[in-house]
Amino acid sequence: MFSQKRSNLIVNCDAYIDLYDKCNIGCDMCKFNRDGGSVKQIKINFSNYKNNRVLFCYKTDPYVFDDYELVATTVKKLHSNNCKIVFLTRKANCLIKQLDIFHKDDFIGISISENNSKNSNIENVITLLKEAEKLKLNTWLSLEPVLTSKFANEIIEKVKNHVNFVRVGKDDLIDYNWEKVKKDINVFNNIYIK
């Protein structure tokens, strides 16, 4: 079963779902799916997901192949099983095209990592958050991994008024003074540091 401690989210999740066995986005700091090889779609048993809050795509991005139909079908099936969704992607340009598939009890989010060429453009992220605000959708930002407080503070300043919460986390794959970085991050009422 899914461990809430592992997710360390601000909203409680009961389960997670991945659409693929691996991710092909190729983020340098990714702690999952680093072995390469072909990416395969996972067959999902939706009977396992009833009345849950589901973290959508725990290890792999939902838009690995920019497959809008697969994302929409999966979200619809989860909603039909009375599930609420906590959605996360690196691809703001994909998510903005599908805001209408989400419900008011869902949380949609973007993942941004320091020194990652695969991040969405920050202007696209802000556009997405503003469009979601208009639709009264809950939003979040996963700012992880963060190596410097400067980076975290720059992003937080740009998004803090357009997002329900920001979760900030360290890089688990390298050794550095996370406590010092953490201490220098500007914390507002909707900023949570792991």
N, C-alpha and C. Protein backbone atom coordinates (compact mmCIF):
# COMPACT_ATOMS: atom_id res chain seq x y z
N MET A 1 0.84 -1.19 0.00
CA MET A 1 0.00 0.00 0.00
C MET A 1 0.88 1.25 0.00
N PHE A 2 0.34 2.30 -0.47
CA PHE A 2 1.06 3.57 -0.60
C PHE A 2 1.30 4.18 0.78
N SER A 3 2.52 4.62 1.00
CA SER A 3 2.86 5.24 2.27
C SER A 3 2.83 6.75 2.14
N GLN A 4 2.01 7.42 2.94
CA GLN A 4 1.95 8.88 2.91
C GLN A 4 3.31 9.48 3.28
N LYS A 5 4.05 8.81 4.15
CA LYS A 5 5.36 9.31 4.53
C LYS A 5 6.29 9.38 3.32
N ARG A 6 6.17 8.41 2.42
CA ARG A 6 7.02 8.40 1.23
C ARG A 6 6.70 9.59 0.33
N SER A 7 5.44 9.95 0.24
CA SER A 7 5.07 11.03 -0.68
C SER A 7 5.39 12.40 -0.09
N ASN A 8 5.26 12.52 1.23
CA ASN A 8 5.53 13.77 1.93
C ASN A 8 4.77 14.94 1.30
N LEU A 9 3.52 14.71 0.95
CA LEU A 9 2.68 15.75 0.36
C LEU A 9 1.90 16.47 1.45
N ILE A 10 1.43 17.66 1.10
CA ILE A 10 0.63 18.44 2.04
C ILE A 10 -0.79 17.90 2.06
N VAL A 11 -1.25 17.39 0.93
CA VAL A 11 -2.57 16.76 0.87
C VAL A 11 -2.37 15.26 1.03
N ASN A 12 -3.18 14.64 1.85
CA ASN A 12 -3.05 13.20 2.09
C ASN A 12 -3.46 12.41 0.86
N CYS A 13 -2.63 11.44 0.48
CA CYS A 13 -2.95 10.54 -0.63
C CYS A 13 -3.05 9.12 -0.09
N ASP A 14 -3.95 8.34 -0.70
CA ASP A 14 -4.15 6.95 -0.28
C ASP A 14 -3.43 5.97 -1.19
N ALA A 15 -3.17 6.39 -2.42
CA ALA A 15 -2.58 5.50 -3.41
C ALA A 15 -1.88 6.32 -4.47
N TYR A 16 -1.12 5.65 -5.31
CA TYR A 16 -0.52 6.34 -6.45
C TYR A 16 -0.75 5.52 -7.70
N ILE A 17 -0.59 6.18 -8.84
CA ILE A 17 -0.77 5.51 -10.12
C ILE A 17 0.28 6.04 -11.09
N ASP A 18 0.88 5.15 -11.85
CA ASP A 18 1.79 5.50 -12.93
C ASP A 18 1.23 4.95 -14.22
N LEU A 19 1.34 5.70 -15.30
CA LEU A 19 0.85 5.24 -16.60
C LEU A 19 1.90 4.42 -17.35
N TYR A 20 3.17 4.60 -16.98
CA TYR A 20 4.27 3.93 -17.68
C TYR A 20 5.23 3.31 -16.67
N ASP A 21 5.99 2.31 -17.15
CA ASP A 21 6.95 1.66 -16.26
C ASP A 21 8.23 2.46 -16.11
N LYS A 22 8.49 3.37 -17.05
CA LYS A 22 9.68 4.22 -17.00
C LYS A 22 9.32 5.58 -17.57
N CYS A 23 10.22 6.53 -17.35
CA CYS A 23 10.02 7.87 -17.89
C CYS A 23 11.11 8.14 -18.93
N ASN A 24 10.75 8.78 -20.03
CA ASN A 24 11.73 9.06 -21.06
C ASN A 24 12.13 10.54 -21.13
N ILE A 25 11.73 11.31 -20.13
CA ILE A 25 12.02 12.74 -20.17
C ILE A 25 13.52 13.00 -20.00
N GLY A 26 14.16 12.23 -19.13
CA GLY A 26 15.62 12.30 -19.02
C GLY A 26 16.16 13.38 -18.11
N CYS A 27 15.48 13.65 -17.02
CA CYS A 27 15.99 14.63 -16.05
C CYS A 27 17.26 14.08 -15.40
N ASP A 28 18.29 14.90 -15.34
CA ASP A 28 19.59 14.45 -14.82
C ASP A 28 19.53 13.96 -13.38
N MET A 29 18.69 14.61 -12.57
CA MET A 29 18.69 14.30 -11.14
C MET A 29 17.64 13.26 -10.74
N CYS A 30 16.97 12.66 -11.72
CA CYS A 30 15.88 11.73 -11.40
C CYS A 30 16.39 10.54 -10.61
N LYS A 31 15.69 10.20 -9.53
CA LYS A 31 16.11 9.05 -8.73
C LYS A 31 15.38 7.78 -9.13
N PHE A 32 14.49 7.89 -10.11
CA PHE A 32 13.76 6.73 -10.62
C PHE A 32 14.16 6.46 -12.07
N ASN A 33 13.97 5.25 -12.52
CA ASN A 33 14.03 4.89 -13.94
C ASN A 33 15.32 5.31 -14.63
N ARG A 34 16.43 5.10 -13.99
CA ARG A 34 17.69 5.55 -14.56
C ARG A 34 18.36 4.48 -15.42
N ASP A 35 17.69 3.35 -15.63
CA ASP A 35 18.34 2.23 -16.33
C ASP A 35 18.12 2.24 -17.84
N GLY A 36 17.44 3.22 -18.38
CA GLY A 36 17.22 3.30 -19.83
C GLY A 36 16.25 2.24 -20.30
N GLY A 37 16.33 1.89 -21.57
CA GLY A 37 15.44 0.89 -22.14
C GLY A 37 14.13 1.50 -22.61
N SER A 38 13.31 0.67 -23.22
CA SER A 38 12.05 1.16 -23.77
C SER A 38 11.01 1.41 -22.67
N VAL A 39 10.12 2.31 -22.95
CA VAL A 39 9.07 2.69 -22.02
C VAL A 39 7.79 1.96 -22.43
N LYS A 40 7.15 1.32 -21.46
CA LYS A 40 5.92 0.59 -21.75
C LYS A 40 4.77 1.13 -20.90
N GLN A 41 3.61 1.16 -21.50
CA GLN A 41 2.41 1.56 -20.77
C GLN A 41 2.04 0.47 -19.76
N ILE A 42 1.63 0.88 -18.58
CA ILE A 42 1.23 -0.06 -17.53
C ILE A 42 -0.27 -0.33 -17.63
N LYS A 43 -0.64 -1.58 -17.52
CA LYS A 43 -2.06 -1.93 -17.47
C LYS A 43 -2.56 -1.64 -16.05
N ILE A 44 -3.61 -0.86 -15.95
CA ILE A 44 -4.10 -0.41 -14.65
C ILE A 44 -5.37 -1.17 -14.27
N ASN A 45 -5.39 -1.67 -13.06
CA ASN A 45 -6.59 -2.32 -12.53
C ASN A 45 -7.34 -1.26 -11.72
N PHE A 46 -8.36 -0.67 -12.34
CA PHE A 46 -9.06 0.44 -11.71
C PHE A 46 -9.91 0.00 -10.52
N SER A 47 -10.14 -1.30 -10.37
CA SER A 47 -10.89 -1.76 -9.19
C SER A 47 -10.09 -1.54 -7.91
N ASN A 48 -8.76 -1.34 -8.04
CA ASN A 48 -7.92 -1.04 -6.87
C ASN A 48 -8.06 0.39 -6.40
N TYR A 49 -8.73 1.23 -7.20
CA TYR A 49 -8.83 2.66 -6.91
C TYR A 49 -10.29 3.04 -6.73
N LYS A 50 -10.73 3.03 -5.50
CA LYS A 50 -12.10 3.45 -5.19
C LYS A 50 -12.07 4.34 -3.96
N ASN A 51 -12.71 5.49 -4.08
CA ASN A 51 -12.82 6.43 -2.95
C ASN A 51 -11.46 6.83 -2.37
N ASN A 52 -10.45 6.91 -3.22
CA ASN A 52 -9.11 7.28 -2.78
C ASN A 52 -8.73 8.66 -3.30
N ARG A 53 -7.76 9.26 -2.61
CA ARG A 53 -7.05 10.39 -3.21
C ARG A 53 -5.78 9.79 -3.80
N VAL A 54 -5.63 9.94 -5.12
CA VAL A 54 -4.58 9.24 -5.85
C VAL A 54 -3.52 10.22 -6.33
N LEU A 55 -2.28 9.94 -5.96
CA LEU A 55 -1.15 10.69 -6.50
C LEU A 55 -0.91 10.17 -7.89
N PHE A 56 -1.15 11.00 -8.86
CA PHE A 56 -1.11 10.61 -10.26
C PHE A 56 0.30 10.77 -10.79
N CYS A 57 0.91 9.64 -11.08
CA CYS A 57 2.26 9.55 -11.61
C CYS A 57 3.30 9.87 -10.54
N TYR A 58 3.60 8.85 -9.79
CA TYR A 58 4.53 8.94 -8.67
C TYR A 58 5.98 8.86 -9.15
N LYS A 59 6.27 7.95 -10.09
CA LYS A 59 7.64 7.77 -10.58
C LYS A 59 7.83 8.22 -12.01
N THR A 60 6.76 8.33 -12.77
CA THR A 60 6.89 8.70 -14.18
C THR A 60 5.94 9.84 -14.51
N ASP A 61 6.37 10.69 -15.42
CA ASP A 61 5.52 11.80 -15.84
C ASP A 61 4.31 11.26 -16.60
N PRO A 62 3.14 11.85 -16.39
CA PRO A 62 1.94 11.38 -17.10
C PRO A 62 2.00 11.65 -18.60
N TYR A 63 2.82 12.60 -19.02
CA TYR A 63 2.90 12.96 -20.43
C TYR A 63 4.20 12.48 -21.07
N VAL A 64 4.63 11.27 -20.74
CA VAL A 64 5.84 10.70 -21.31
C VAL A 64 5.81 10.79 -22.83
N PHE A 65 4.67 10.44 -23.43
CA PHE A 65 4.52 10.51 -24.88
C PHE A 65 3.52 11.57 -25.31
N ASP A 66 3.26 12.54 -24.44
CA ASP A 66 2.26 13.58 -24.73
C ASP A 66 0.93 12.96 -25.14
N ASP A 67 0.57 11.86 -24.47
CA ASP A 67 -0.65 11.12 -24.81
C ASP A 67 -1.83 11.70 -24.02
N TYR A 68 -2.48 12.67 -24.61
CA TYR A 68 -3.60 13.35 -23.95
C TYR A 68 -4.77 12.41 -23.72
N GLU A 69 -5.02 11.53 -24.66
CA GLU A 69 -6.16 10.61 -24.54
C GLU A 69 -5.98 9.66 -23.36
N LEU A 70 -4.78 9.12 -23.19
CA LEU A 70 -4.52 8.21 -22.07
C LEU A 70 -4.70 8.92 -20.74
N VAL A 71 -4.19 10.14 -20.63
CA VAL A 71 -4.34 10.90 -19.39
C VAL A 71 -5.82 11.17 -19.12
N ALA A 72 -6.54 11.64 -20.14
CA ALA A 72 -7.96 11.97 -19.96
C ALA A 72 -8.77 10.74 -19.58
N THR A 73 -8.53 9.62 -20.25
CA THR A 73 -9.25 8.38 -19.96
C THR A 73 -8.99 7.90 -18.54
N THR A 74 -7.73 7.98 -18.12
CA THR A 74 -7.37 7.53 -16.76
C THR A 74 -8.00 8.43 -15.71
N VAL A 75 -7.92 9.73 -15.91
CA VAL A 75 -8.53 10.67 -14.96
C VAL A 75 -10.03 10.43 -14.88
N LYS A 76 -10.68 10.25 -16.02
CA LYS A 76 -12.12 10.01 -16.05
C LYS A 76 -12.49 8.73 -15.29
N LYS A 77 -11.71 7.67 -15.49
CA LYS A 77 -11.99 6.40 -14.78
C LYS A 77 -11.79 6.54 -13.28
N LEU A 78 -10.76 7.27 -12.90
CA LEU A 78 -10.55 7.50 -11.46
C LEU A 78 -11.70 8.32 -10.87
N HIS A 79 -12.12 9.35 -11.57
CA HIS A 79 -13.26 10.15 -11.10
C HIS A 79 -14.52 9.30 -11.01
N SER A 80 -14.73 8.39 -11.96
CA SER A 80 -15.93 7.55 -11.92
C SER A 80 -15.90 6.57 -10.75
N ASN A 81 -14.71 6.33 -10.20
CA ASN A 81 -14.56 5.50 -9.00
C ASN A 81 -14.50 6.35 -7.74
N ASN A 82 -14.99 7.59 -7.85
CA ASN A 82 -15.06 8.51 -6.72
C ASN A 82 -13.68 8.83 -6.13
N CYS A 83 -12.70 8.96 -7.01
CA CYS A 83 -11.34 9.30 -6.58
C CYS A 83 -11.09 10.79 -6.78
N LYS A 84 -10.27 11.33 -5.92
CA LYS A 84 -9.73 12.67 -6.08
C LYS A 84 -8.28 12.51 -6.53
N ILE A 85 -7.80 13.46 -7.30
CA ILE A 85 -6.49 13.30 -7.93
C ILE A 85 -5.53 14.39 -7.49
N VAL A 86 -4.30 13.97 -7.21
CA VAL A 86 -3.18 14.88 -7.01
C VAL A 86 -2.24 14.60 -8.18
N PHE A 87 -2.21 15.53 -9.13
CA PHE A 87 -1.56 15.33 -10.43
C PHE A 87 -0.27 16.13 -10.48
N LEU A 88 0.77 15.53 -11.06
CA LEU A 88 2.06 16.22 -11.16
C LEU A 88 2.70 15.90 -12.51
N THR A 89 3.22 16.95 -13.17
CA THR A 89 3.92 16.78 -14.44
C THR A 89 5.04 17.80 -14.56
N ARG A 90 5.98 17.53 -15.43
CA ARG A 90 7.00 18.51 -15.80
C ARG A 90 6.53 19.38 -16.97
N LYS A 91 5.46 18.96 -17.62
CA LYS A 91 5.05 19.57 -18.89
C LYS A 91 3.83 20.47 -18.73
N ALA A 92 4.08 21.72 -18.39
CA ALA A 92 2.99 22.70 -18.24
C ALA A 92 2.24 22.87 -19.56
N ASN A 93 2.95 22.79 -20.68
CA ASN A 93 2.32 22.97 -21.98
C ASN A 93 1.30 21.87 -22.28
N CYS A 94 1.49 20.69 -21.74
CA CYS A 94 0.51 19.60 -21.91
C CYS A 94 -0.66 19.78 -20.94
N LEU A 95 -0.35 20.03 -19.69
CA LEU A 95 -1.38 20.13 -18.66
C LEU A 95 -2.36 21.27 -18.95
N ILE A 96 -1.87 22.37 -19.46
CA ILE A 96 -2.75 23.52 -19.71
C ILE A 96 -3.84 23.17 -20.73
N LYS A 97 -3.56 22.21 -21.60
CA LYS A 97 -4.53 21.79 -22.62
C LYS A 97 -5.61 20.88 -22.04
N GLN A 98 -5.41 20.41 -20.81
CA GLN A 98 -6.34 19.44 -20.23
C GLN A 98 -6.94 19.88 -18.90
N LEU A 99 -6.92 21.15 -18.60
CA LEU A 99 -7.45 21.62 -17.33
C LEU A 99 -8.91 21.24 -17.14
N ASP A 100 -9.65 21.11 -18.23
CA ASP A 100 -11.09 20.82 -18.13
C ASP A 100 -11.40 19.40 -17.68
N ILE A 101 -10.41 18.51 -17.59
CA ILE A 101 -10.69 17.13 -17.15
C ILE A 101 -10.64 17.00 -15.63
N PHE A 102 -10.20 18.05 -14.95
CA PHE A 102 -10.04 17.97 -13.51
C PHE A 102 -11.23 18.57 -12.77
N HIS A 103 -11.43 18.08 -11.53
CA HIS A 103 -12.52 18.54 -10.67
C HIS A 103 -11.99 19.50 -9.62
N LYS A 104 -12.90 20.17 -8.96
CA LYS A 104 -12.53 21.17 -7.95
C LYS A 104 -11.83 20.57 -6.72
N ASP A 105 -12.00 19.27 -6.49
CA ASP A 105 -11.34 18.62 -5.35
C ASP A 105 -9.97 18.04 -5.70
N ASP A 106 -9.59 18.11 -6.96
CA ASP A 106 -8.28 17.63 -7.39
C ASP A 106 -7.23 18.71 -7.14
N PHE A 107 -5.97 18.30 -7.18
CA PHE A 107 -4.83 19.22 -7.14
C PHE A 107 -3.98 18.95 -8.37
N ILE A 108 -3.71 19.98 -9.16
CA ILE A 108 -2.85 19.82 -10.33
C ILE A 108 -1.55 20.55 -10.08
N GLY A 109 -0.44 19.93 -10.51
CA GLY A 109 0.84 20.53 -10.18
C GLY A 109 1.90 20.38 -11.23
N ILE A 110 2.93 21.20 -11.08
CA ILE A 110 4.09 21.20 -11.95
C ILE A 110 5.33 20.92 -11.10
N SER A 111 6.23 20.13 -11.66
CA SER A 111 7.49 19.82 -11.01
C SER A 111 8.61 20.63 -11.65
N ILE A 112 9.38 21.32 -10.81
CA ILE A 112 10.54 22.10 -11.26
C ILE A 112 11.73 21.72 -10.40
N SER A 113 12.86 21.47 -11.04
CA SER A 113 14.09 21.11 -10.34
C SER A 113 15.19 22.09 -10.70
N GLU A 114 16.07 22.34 -9.76
CA GLU A 114 17.18 23.24 -10.04
C GLU A 114 18.15 22.58 -11.01
N ASN A 115 18.69 23.40 -11.94
CA ASN A 115 19.66 22.94 -12.94
C ASN A 115 19.11 21.81 -13.81
N ASN A 116 17.86 21.91 -14.19
CA ASN A 116 17.25 20.87 -15.01
C ASN A 116 16.76 21.48 -16.33
N SER A 117 17.33 21.05 -17.41
CA SER A 117 16.95 21.58 -18.72
C SER A 117 15.56 21.10 -19.14
N LYS A 118 14.98 20.16 -18.43
CA LYS A 118 13.67 19.62 -18.78
C LYS A 118 12.53 20.35 -18.08
N ASN A 119 12.83 21.37 -17.27
CA ASN A 119 11.78 22.15 -16.62
C ASN A 119 10.91 22.85 -17.65
N SER A 120 9.65 23.04 -17.32
CA SER A 120 8.80 23.92 -18.12
C SER A 120 9.28 25.35 -17.96
N ASN A 121 9.10 26.13 -18.97
CA ASN A 121 9.40 27.56 -18.93
C ASN A 121 8.55 28.19 -17.82
N ILE A 122 9.15 29.00 -16.96
CA ILE A 122 8.43 29.57 -15.81
C ILE A 122 7.24 30.42 -16.24
N GLU A 123 7.34 31.08 -17.38
CA GLU A 123 6.19 31.86 -17.87
C GLU A 123 5.02 30.95 -18.20
N ASN A 124 5.32 29.77 -18.78
CA ASN A 124 4.26 28.79 -19.07
C ASN A 124 3.64 28.26 -17.78
N VAL A 125 4.48 28.07 -16.77
CA VAL A 125 3.97 27.59 -15.47
C VAL A 125 3.02 28.63 -14.88
N ILE A 126 3.40 29.88 -14.90
CA ILE A 126 2.56 30.94 -14.34
C ILE A 126 1.26 31.07 -15.13
N THR A 127 1.33 30.96 -16.45
CA THR A 127 0.12 30.98 -17.28
C THR A 127 -0.80 29.85 -16.90
N LEU A 128 -0.24 28.65 -16.73
CA LEU A 128 -1.03 27.49 -16.31
C LEU A 128 -1.71 27.74 -14.97
N LEU A 129 -0.95 28.24 -14.00
CA LEU A 129 -1.50 28.48 -12.66
C LEU A 129 -2.62 29.52 -12.70
N LYS A 130 -2.46 30.56 -13.51
CA LYS A 130 -3.49 31.58 -13.62
C LYS A 130 -4.76 31.04 -14.29
N GLU A 131 -4.58 30.21 -15.31
CA GLU A 131 -5.74 29.59 -15.98
C GLU A 131 -6.47 28.66 -15.01
N ALA A 132 -5.71 27.91 -14.24
CA ALA A 132 -6.32 27.02 -13.24
C ALA A 132 -7.07 27.82 -12.18
N GLU A 133 -6.51 28.97 -11.78
CA GLU A 133 -7.20 29.85 -10.82
C GLU A 133 -8.56 30.28 -11.36
N LYS A 134 -8.60 30.65 -12.63
CA LYS A 134 -9.87 31.06 -13.25
C LYS A 134 -10.91 29.95 -13.18
N LEU A 135 -10.44 28.70 -13.29
CA LEU A 135 -11.35 27.55 -13.25
C LEU A 135 -11.60 27.06 -11.82
N LYS A 136 -11.01 27.78 -10.86
CA LYS A 136 -11.13 27.43 -9.43
C LYS A 136 -10.60 26.02 -9.13
N LEU A 137 -9.48 25.69 -9.78
CA LEU A 137 -8.81 24.42 -9.54
C LEU A 137 -7.71 24.62 -8.51
N ASN A 138 -7.47 23.62 -7.68
CA ASN A 138 -6.37 23.64 -6.72
C ASN A 138 -5.06 23.38 -7.45
N THR A 139 -4.02 24.12 -7.08
CA THR A 139 -2.73 23.96 -7.74
C THR A 139 -1.61 23.80 -6.74
N TRP A 140 -0.53 23.20 -7.20
CA TRP A 140 0.66 23.05 -6.36
C TRP A 140 1.90 23.00 -7.24
N LEU A 141 3.03 23.21 -6.60
CA LEU A 141 4.31 23.16 -7.29
C LEU A 141 5.24 22.29 -6.47
N SER A 142 5.86 21.32 -7.14
CA SER A 142 6.90 20.52 -6.49
C SER A 142 8.23 21.09 -6.91
N LEU A 143 8.90 21.73 -6.00
CA LEU A 143 10.19 22.38 -6.24
C LEU A 143 11.25 21.46 -5.65
N GLU A 144 11.71 20.52 -6.49
CA GLU A 144 12.58 19.47 -5.95
C GLU A 144 13.31 18.75 -7.09
N PRO A 145 14.59 18.51 -6.97
CA PRO A 145 15.44 18.94 -5.87
C PRO A 145 15.89 20.39 -6.01
N VAL A 146 16.12 20.98 -4.85
CA VAL A 146 16.64 22.34 -4.73
C VAL A 146 18.04 22.24 -4.16
N LEU A 147 18.97 22.96 -4.78
CA LEU A 147 20.36 22.97 -4.31
C LEU A 147 20.73 24.26 -3.61
N THR A 148 20.04 25.36 -3.97
CA THR A 148 20.36 26.66 -3.39
C THR A 148 19.08 27.39 -2.99
N SER A 149 19.16 28.18 -1.95
CA SER A 149 18.01 28.97 -1.52
C SER A 149 17.70 30.06 -2.55
N LYS A 150 18.70 30.54 -3.26
CA LYS A 150 18.49 31.58 -4.28
C LYS A 150 17.50 31.08 -5.33
N PHE A 151 17.73 29.89 -5.85
CA PHE A 151 16.83 29.31 -6.84
C PHE A 151 15.42 29.16 -6.28
N ALA A 152 15.33 28.56 -5.09
CA ALA A 152 14.02 28.35 -4.47
C ALA A 152 13.28 29.67 -4.28
N ASN A 153 13.97 30.67 -3.77
CA ASN A 153 13.33 31.96 -3.50
C ASN A 153 12.87 32.65 -4.78
N GLU A 154 13.64 32.53 -5.85
CA GLU A 154 13.23 33.13 -7.13
C GLU A 154 11.93 32.51 -7.65
N ILE A 155 11.84 31.20 -7.61
CA ILE A 155 10.64 30.52 -8.09
C ILE A 155 9.46 30.80 -7.16
N ILE A 156 9.67 30.69 -5.87
CA ILE A 156 8.60 30.93 -4.89
C ILE A 156 8.02 32.33 -5.07
N GLU A 157 8.88 33.32 -5.25
CA GLU A 157 8.41 34.70 -5.42
C GLU A 157 7.51 34.83 -6.64
N LYS A 158 7.81 34.11 -7.69
CA LYS A 158 7.02 34.20 -8.92
C LYS A 158 5.67 33.48 -8.83
N VAL A 159 5.59 32.42 -8.03
CA VAL A 159 4.37 31.60 -8.04
C VAL A 159 3.52 31.70 -6.77
N LYS A 160 4.05 32.25 -5.70
CA LYS A 160 3.40 32.16 -4.39
C LYS A 160 1.96 32.67 -4.36
N ASN A 161 1.64 33.64 -5.19
CA ASN A 161 0.28 34.19 -5.19
C ASN A 161 -0.67 33.47 -6.14
N HIS A 162 -0.17 32.46 -6.83
CA HIS A 162 -0.99 31.77 -7.83
C HIS A 162 -1.12 30.27 -7.56
N VAL A 163 -0.67 29.82 -6.40
CA VAL A 163 -0.62 28.38 -6.14
C VAL A 163 -1.13 28.11 -4.72
N ASN A 164 -1.80 26.98 -4.54
CA ASN A 164 -2.26 26.62 -3.21
C ASN A 164 -1.11 26.30 -2.28
N PHE A 165 -0.12 25.56 -2.80
CA PHE A 165 1.06 25.30 -1.99
C PHE A 165 2.25 24.93 -2.85
N VAL A 166 3.44 25.13 -2.28
CA VAL A 166 4.70 24.73 -2.89
C VAL A 166 5.39 23.78 -1.93
N ARG A 167 5.80 22.64 -2.44
CA ARG A 167 6.58 21.70 -1.64
C ARG A 167 8.03 21.77 -2.12
N VAL A 168 8.95 22.07 -1.21
CA VAL A 168 10.36 22.22 -1.54
C VAL A 168 11.13 21.05 -0.94
N GLY A 169 12.00 20.45 -1.75
CA GLY A 169 12.75 19.29 -1.26
C GLY A 169 14.19 19.29 -1.71
N LYS A 170 14.98 18.49 -1.04
CA LYS A 170 16.42 18.42 -1.30
C LYS A 170 16.74 17.36 -2.34
N ASP A 171 17.98 17.36 -2.79
CA ASP A 171 18.49 16.33 -3.69
C ASP A 171 19.01 15.19 -2.82
N ASP A 172 18.36 14.03 -2.92
CA ASP A 172 18.76 12.88 -2.11
C ASP A 172 19.98 12.16 -2.68
N LEU A 173 20.39 12.52 -3.89
CA LEU A 173 21.46 11.78 -4.56
C LEU A 173 22.84 12.38 -4.34
N ILE A 174 22.90 13.57 -3.74
CA ILE A 174 24.21 14.17 -3.48
C ILE A 174 24.27 14.63 -2.02
N ASP A 175 25.50 14.85 -1.55
CA ASP A 175 25.70 15.30 -0.18
C ASP A 175 26.00 16.80 -0.20
N TYR A 176 25.18 17.59 0.46
CA TYR A 176 25.40 19.03 0.58
C TYR A 176 24.69 19.53 1.82
N ASN A 177 24.91 20.79 2.15
CA ASN A 177 24.38 21.33 3.41
C ASN A 177 22.93 21.77 3.23
N TRP A 178 22.02 20.78 3.22
CA TRP A 178 20.59 21.05 3.03
C TRP A 178 20.04 21.91 4.16
N GLU A 179 20.51 21.71 5.37
CA GLU A 179 20.01 22.48 6.51
C GLU A 179 20.27 23.98 6.32
N LYS A 180 21.43 24.32 5.76
CA LYS A 180 21.76 25.73 5.48
C LYS A 180 20.85 26.27 4.36
N VAL A 181 20.68 25.51 3.31
CA VAL A 181 19.82 25.93 2.20
C VAL A 181 18.40 26.14 2.72
N LYS A 182 17.92 25.18 3.46
CA LYS A 182 16.56 25.21 4.00
C LYS A 182 16.33 26.45 4.86
N LYS A 183 17.32 26.77 5.68
CA LYS A 183 17.21 27.92 6.60
C LYS A 183 17.05 29.24 5.86
N ASP A 184 17.61 29.32 4.66
CA ASP A 184 17.60 30.58 3.90
C ASP A 184 16.46 30.68 2.89
N ILE A 185 15.56 29.71 2.89
CA ILE A 185 14.41 29.77 1.98
C ILE A 185 13.31 30.61 2.62
N ASN A 186 12.78 31.56 1.86
CA ASN A 186 11.68 32.40 2.35
C ASN A 186 10.41 31.56 2.45
N VAL A 187 9.94 31.40 3.66
CA VAL A 187 8.77 30.55 3.90
C VAL A 187 7.55 31.43 4.14
N PHE A 188 6.54 31.23 3.31
CA PHE A 188 5.25 31.88 3.46
C PHE A 188 4.26 30.84 3.94
N ASN A 189 3.00 31.23 4.13
CA ASN A 189 2.04 30.29 4.70
C ASN A 189 1.71 29.12 3.79
N ASN A 190 2.08 29.20 2.49
CA ASN A 190 1.76 28.09 1.60
C ASN A 190 3.03 27.41 1.06
N ILE A 191 4.15 27.59 1.77
CA ILE A 191 5.42 26.98 1.39
C ILE A 191 5.77 25.92 2.43
N TYR A 192 6.01 24.68 1.96
CA TYR A 192 6.32 23.58 2.87
C TYR A 192 7.67 22.99 2.45
N ILE A 193 8.56 22.84 3.41
CA ILE A 193 9.90 22.32 3.13
C ILE A 193 10.04 20.93 3.73
N LYS A 194 10.49 20.01 2.90
CA LYS A 194 10.67 18.62 3.36
C LYS A 194 11.84 18.53 4.34
